[in-house]
Amino acid sequence: WSSQSAASGTESNSGAKINIYQKEDHAAWDSTVLGIEVDDVGKAVEELANIDVHVEMLPGTDSKGIAHDLDMGDAAWFRAPAGNWVCVSNEL
């Protein structure tokens, strides 16, 4: 499945959805390159913190770094070691 023409999506056997956005080069991107759908963004942020992955505190996010949008659901972003943005959200 794919929600955008510039993205490739897949779904695991357990129903987890992952979107990977295409890019022409291997430099870090300034927008989301990988989106992972989770049931509970707050719980995912806590689990990431437990393994020393820290969510970015972006404009419009709450004290945990979670953006709440009535149309798009909750989302939080962190940077992968290569500098790319990764998003965990409850809507892809």
N, C-alpha and C. Protein backbone atom coordinates (compact mmCIF):
# COMPACT_ATOMS: atom_id res chain seq x y z
N TRP A 1 0.84 -1.18 0.00
CA TRP A 1 0.00 0.00 0.00
C TRP A 1 0.87 1.22 0.00
N SER A 2 0.35 2.32 -0.46
CA SER A 2 1.09 3.58 -0.45
C SER A 2 0.11 4.73 -0.45
N SER A 3 0.36 5.70 0.41
CA SER A 3 -0.53 6.85 0.49
C SER A 3 -0.07 8.00 -0.38
N GLN A 4 1.15 7.94 -0.91
CA GLN A 4 1.69 8.99 -1.76
C GLN A 4 2.50 8.34 -2.87
N SER A 5 2.59 9.02 -4.01
CA SER A 5 3.34 8.45 -5.12
C SER A 5 4.83 8.40 -4.83
N ALA A 6 5.34 9.25 -3.94
CA ALA A 6 6.77 9.27 -3.62
C ALA A 6 7.11 8.35 -2.46
N ALA A 7 6.18 7.52 -2.06
CA ALA A 7 6.41 6.64 -0.91
C ALA A 7 6.11 5.20 -1.28
N SER A 8 6.83 4.32 -0.63
CA SER A 8 6.56 2.89 -0.73
C SER A 8 6.10 2.44 0.64
N GLY A 9 5.05 1.65 0.68
CA GLY A 9 4.54 1.21 1.96
C GLY A 9 4.45 -0.30 2.03
N THR A 10 4.47 -0.77 3.24
CA THR A 10 4.32 -2.19 3.47
C THR A 10 3.57 -2.40 4.78
N GLU A 11 3.04 -3.57 4.95
CA GLU A 11 2.32 -3.93 6.16
C GLU A 11 2.82 -5.28 6.64
N SER A 12 3.17 -5.37 7.94
CA SER A 12 3.67 -6.62 8.49
C SER A 12 2.54 -7.60 8.71
N ASN A 13 2.87 -8.82 9.05
CA ASN A 13 1.86 -9.84 9.36
C ASN A 13 0.99 -9.44 10.53
N SER A 14 1.55 -8.63 11.45
CA SER A 14 0.78 -8.18 12.61
C SER A 14 -0.05 -6.95 12.31
N GLY A 15 0.06 -6.40 11.08
CA GLY A 15 -0.73 -5.25 10.69
C GLY A 15 -0.01 -3.92 10.81
N ALA A 16 1.24 -3.91 11.27
CA ALA A 16 1.99 -2.66 11.39
C ALA A 16 2.29 -2.10 10.00
N LYS A 17 2.07 -0.80 9.84
CA LYS A 17 2.31 -0.16 8.55
C LYS A 17 3.58 0.68 8.61
N ILE A 18 4.35 0.64 7.53
CA ILE A 18 5.59 1.39 7.43
C ILE A 18 5.61 2.07 6.06
N ASN A 19 5.93 3.36 6.04
CA ASN A 19 6.08 4.10 4.81
C ASN A 19 7.54 4.51 4.67
N ILE A 20 8.12 4.29 3.50
CA ILE A 20 9.48 4.72 3.21
C ILE A 20 9.41 5.68 2.03
N TYR A 21 9.91 6.89 2.24
CA TYR A 21 9.85 7.91 1.20
C TYR A 21 11.10 7.85 0.34
N GLN A 22 10.91 7.94 -0.97
CA GLN A 22 12.01 7.83 -1.92
C GLN A 22 12.81 9.12 -2.00
N LYS A 23 14.11 8.95 -2.22
CA LYS A 23 15.02 10.08 -2.34
C LYS A 23 16.07 9.71 -3.38
N GLU A 24 16.54 10.70 -4.14
CA GLU A 24 17.46 10.41 -5.23
C GLU A 24 18.91 10.22 -4.78
N ASP A 25 19.31 10.78 -3.63
CA ASP A 25 20.69 10.62 -3.19
C ASP A 25 20.72 10.05 -1.77
N HIS A 26 21.91 9.94 -1.22
CA HIS A 26 22.06 9.33 0.11
C HIS A 26 22.34 10.35 1.20
N ALA A 27 22.17 11.63 0.91
CA ALA A 27 22.35 12.67 1.94
C ALA A 27 21.13 12.67 2.86
N ALA A 28 21.36 13.09 4.11
CA ALA A 28 20.24 13.18 5.06
C ALA A 28 19.18 14.12 4.51
N TRP A 29 17.94 13.78 4.76
CA TRP A 29 16.81 14.53 4.23
C TRP A 29 16.28 15.47 5.30
N ASP A 30 15.69 16.59 4.88
CA ASP A 30 15.17 17.56 5.84
C ASP A 30 13.68 17.33 6.15
N SER A 31 13.13 16.23 5.69
CA SER A 31 11.75 15.87 6.02
C SER A 31 11.69 14.36 6.28
N THR A 32 10.53 13.88 6.65
CA THR A 32 10.40 12.48 7.05
C THR A 32 10.80 11.53 5.92
N VAL A 33 11.67 10.59 6.23
CA VAL A 33 12.09 9.59 5.26
C VAL A 33 11.49 8.22 5.59
N LEU A 34 11.12 8.03 6.87
CA LEU A 34 10.54 6.77 7.29
C LEU A 34 9.40 7.05 8.26
N GLY A 35 8.22 6.51 7.98
CA GLY A 35 7.08 6.65 8.87
C GLY A 35 6.65 5.29 9.39
N ILE A 36 6.45 5.20 10.70
CA ILE A 36 6.06 3.94 11.32
C ILE A 36 4.76 4.16 12.07
N GLU A 37 3.74 3.38 11.73
CA GLU A 37 2.45 3.51 12.40
C GLU A 37 2.46 2.72 13.70
N VAL A 38 2.04 3.36 14.78
CA VAL A 38 1.95 2.73 16.10
C VAL A 38 0.56 2.98 16.66
N ASP A 39 0.13 2.12 17.58
CA ASP A 39 -1.18 2.31 18.20
C ASP A 39 -1.20 3.49 19.16
N ASP A 40 -0.10 3.70 19.90
CA ASP A 40 -0.05 4.71 20.94
C ASP A 40 1.27 5.46 20.83
N VAL A 41 1.21 6.68 20.31
CA VAL A 41 2.43 7.47 20.10
C VAL A 41 3.11 7.78 21.43
N GLY A 42 2.34 8.12 22.46
CA GLY A 42 2.93 8.40 23.77
C GLY A 42 3.72 7.23 24.31
N LYS A 43 3.18 6.03 24.18
CA LYS A 43 3.88 4.82 24.64
C LYS A 43 5.13 4.58 23.80
N ALA A 44 5.03 4.81 22.49
CA ALA A 44 6.19 4.63 21.61
C ALA A 44 7.31 5.61 21.99
N VAL A 45 6.95 6.86 22.31
CA VAL A 45 7.94 7.85 22.72
C VAL A 45 8.63 7.40 24.01
N GLU A 46 7.86 6.88 24.96
CA GLU A 46 8.45 6.38 26.21
C GLU A 46 9.38 5.21 25.95
N GLU A 47 8.97 4.28 25.08
CA GLU A 47 9.81 3.13 24.77
C GLU A 47 11.09 3.55 24.05
N LEU A 48 10.99 4.54 23.18
CA LEU A 48 12.18 5.06 22.50
C LEU A 48 13.13 5.69 23.52
N ALA A 49 12.59 6.47 24.45
CA ALA A 49 13.42 7.11 25.48
C ALA A 49 14.15 6.06 26.32
N ASN A 50 13.50 4.93 26.57
CA ASN A 50 14.12 3.86 27.37
C ASN A 50 15.35 3.26 26.69
N ILE A 51 15.45 3.42 25.38
CA ILE A 51 16.64 2.91 24.66
C ILE A 51 17.49 4.07 24.13
N ASP A 52 17.35 5.23 24.79
CA ASP A 52 18.15 6.44 24.49
C ASP A 52 17.92 7.01 23.10
N VAL A 53 16.72 6.85 22.57
CA VAL A 53 16.32 7.54 21.34
C VAL A 53 15.41 8.68 21.78
N HIS A 54 15.83 9.91 21.49
CA HIS A 54 15.11 11.06 22.00
C HIS A 54 14.33 11.76 20.89
N VAL A 55 13.08 11.98 21.15
CA VAL A 55 12.18 12.66 20.22
C VAL A 55 12.55 14.15 20.18
N GLU A 56 12.51 14.72 19.00
CA GLU A 56 12.81 16.14 18.83
C GLU A 56 11.65 17.00 19.35
N MET A 57 11.98 18.06 20.02
CA MET A 57 10.98 19.01 20.50
C MET A 57 10.77 20.06 19.41
N LEU A 58 9.85 19.81 18.52
CA LEU A 58 9.59 20.67 17.37
C LEU A 58 8.48 21.67 17.69
N PRO A 59 8.44 22.79 16.97
CA PRO A 59 7.33 23.74 17.17
C PRO A 59 5.98 23.04 16.97
N GLY A 60 5.06 23.28 17.87
CA GLY A 60 3.73 22.69 17.77
C GLY A 60 3.59 21.36 18.48
N THR A 61 4.67 20.88 19.13
CA THR A 61 4.58 19.63 19.87
C THR A 61 4.40 19.93 21.36
N ASP A 62 3.92 18.92 22.08
CA ASP A 62 3.71 19.09 23.52
C ASP A 62 5.03 18.85 24.28
N SER A 63 4.95 18.74 25.59
CA SER A 63 6.15 18.60 26.42
C SER A 63 6.89 17.28 26.19
N LYS A 64 6.25 16.31 25.52
CA LYS A 64 6.89 15.03 25.21
C LYS A 64 7.37 14.98 23.76
N GLY A 65 7.14 16.06 23.01
CA GLY A 65 7.54 16.09 21.60
C GLY A 65 6.50 15.51 20.66
N ILE A 66 5.25 15.40 21.13
CA ILE A 66 4.18 14.81 20.32
C ILE A 66 3.31 15.91 19.75
N ALA A 67 3.08 15.85 18.44
CA ALA A 67 2.15 16.75 17.78
C ALA A 67 0.77 16.09 17.77
N HIS A 68 -0.24 16.88 18.10
CA HIS A 68 -1.62 16.37 18.11
C HIS A 68 -2.40 17.11 17.03
N ASP A 69 -2.89 16.39 16.04
CA ASP A 69 -3.63 16.99 14.94
C ASP A 69 -4.95 16.24 14.78
N LEU A 70 -6.06 16.97 14.79
CA LEU A 70 -7.37 16.34 14.70
C LEU A 70 -7.57 15.55 13.42
N ASP A 71 -6.96 16.00 12.32
CA ASP A 71 -7.12 15.32 11.03
C ASP A 71 -6.10 14.21 10.81
N MET A 72 -4.89 14.41 11.31
CA MET A 72 -3.81 13.47 11.01
C MET A 72 -3.41 12.60 12.19
N GLY A 73 -3.97 12.80 13.36
CA GLY A 73 -3.61 12.00 14.53
C GLY A 73 -2.38 12.53 15.23
N ASP A 74 -1.81 11.72 16.11
CA ASP A 74 -0.62 12.09 16.87
C ASP A 74 0.62 11.62 16.13
N ALA A 75 1.72 12.38 16.31
CA ALA A 75 2.98 12.03 15.66
C ALA A 75 4.14 12.61 16.45
N ALA A 76 5.28 11.94 16.36
CA ALA A 76 6.52 12.41 16.97
C ALA A 76 7.67 12.04 16.04
N TRP A 77 8.72 12.86 16.05
CA TRP A 77 9.84 12.66 15.14
C TRP A 77 11.14 12.56 15.90
N PHE A 78 12.04 11.72 15.39
CA PHE A 78 13.41 11.66 15.89
C PHE A 78 14.33 11.48 14.69
N ARG A 79 15.61 11.73 14.92
CA ARG A 79 16.59 11.57 13.84
C ARG A 79 17.31 10.24 13.97
N ALA A 80 17.40 9.54 12.86
CA ALA A 80 18.16 8.30 12.80
C ALA A 80 19.65 8.65 12.84
N PRO A 81 20.52 7.69 13.12
CA PRO A 81 21.96 7.99 13.19
C PRO A 81 22.52 8.68 11.95
N ALA A 82 21.96 8.44 10.78
CA ALA A 82 22.44 9.08 9.55
C ALA A 82 21.88 10.49 9.39
N GLY A 83 21.02 10.94 10.33
CA GLY A 83 20.48 12.29 10.28
C GLY A 83 19.12 12.39 9.62
N ASN A 84 18.57 11.29 9.15
CA ASN A 84 17.24 11.31 8.52
C ASN A 84 16.14 11.36 9.58
N TRP A 85 15.03 11.98 9.22
CA TRP A 85 13.88 12.07 10.11
C TRP A 85 13.05 10.80 10.05
N VAL A 86 12.69 10.29 11.23
CA VAL A 86 11.81 9.14 11.37
C VAL A 86 10.59 9.60 12.16
N CYS A 87 9.41 9.21 11.72
CA CYS A 87 8.16 9.60 12.36
C CYS A 87 7.44 8.37 12.90
N VAL A 88 6.99 8.45 14.14
CA VAL A 88 6.06 7.45 14.68
C VAL A 88 4.72 8.16 14.80
N SER A 89 3.68 7.55 14.27
CA SER A 89 2.36 8.19 14.29
C SER A 89 1.27 7.12 14.36
N ASN A 90 0.08 7.57 14.73
CA ASN A 90 -1.03 6.60 14.75
C ASN A 90 -1.86 6.68 13.48
N GLU A 91 -1.41 7.44 12.51
CA GLU A 91 -2.03 7.53 11.17
C GLU A 91 -0.92 7.68 10.15
N LEU A 92 -0.90 6.82 9.13
CA LEU A 92 0.07 7.00 8.04
C LEU A 92 -0.64 7.43 6.79
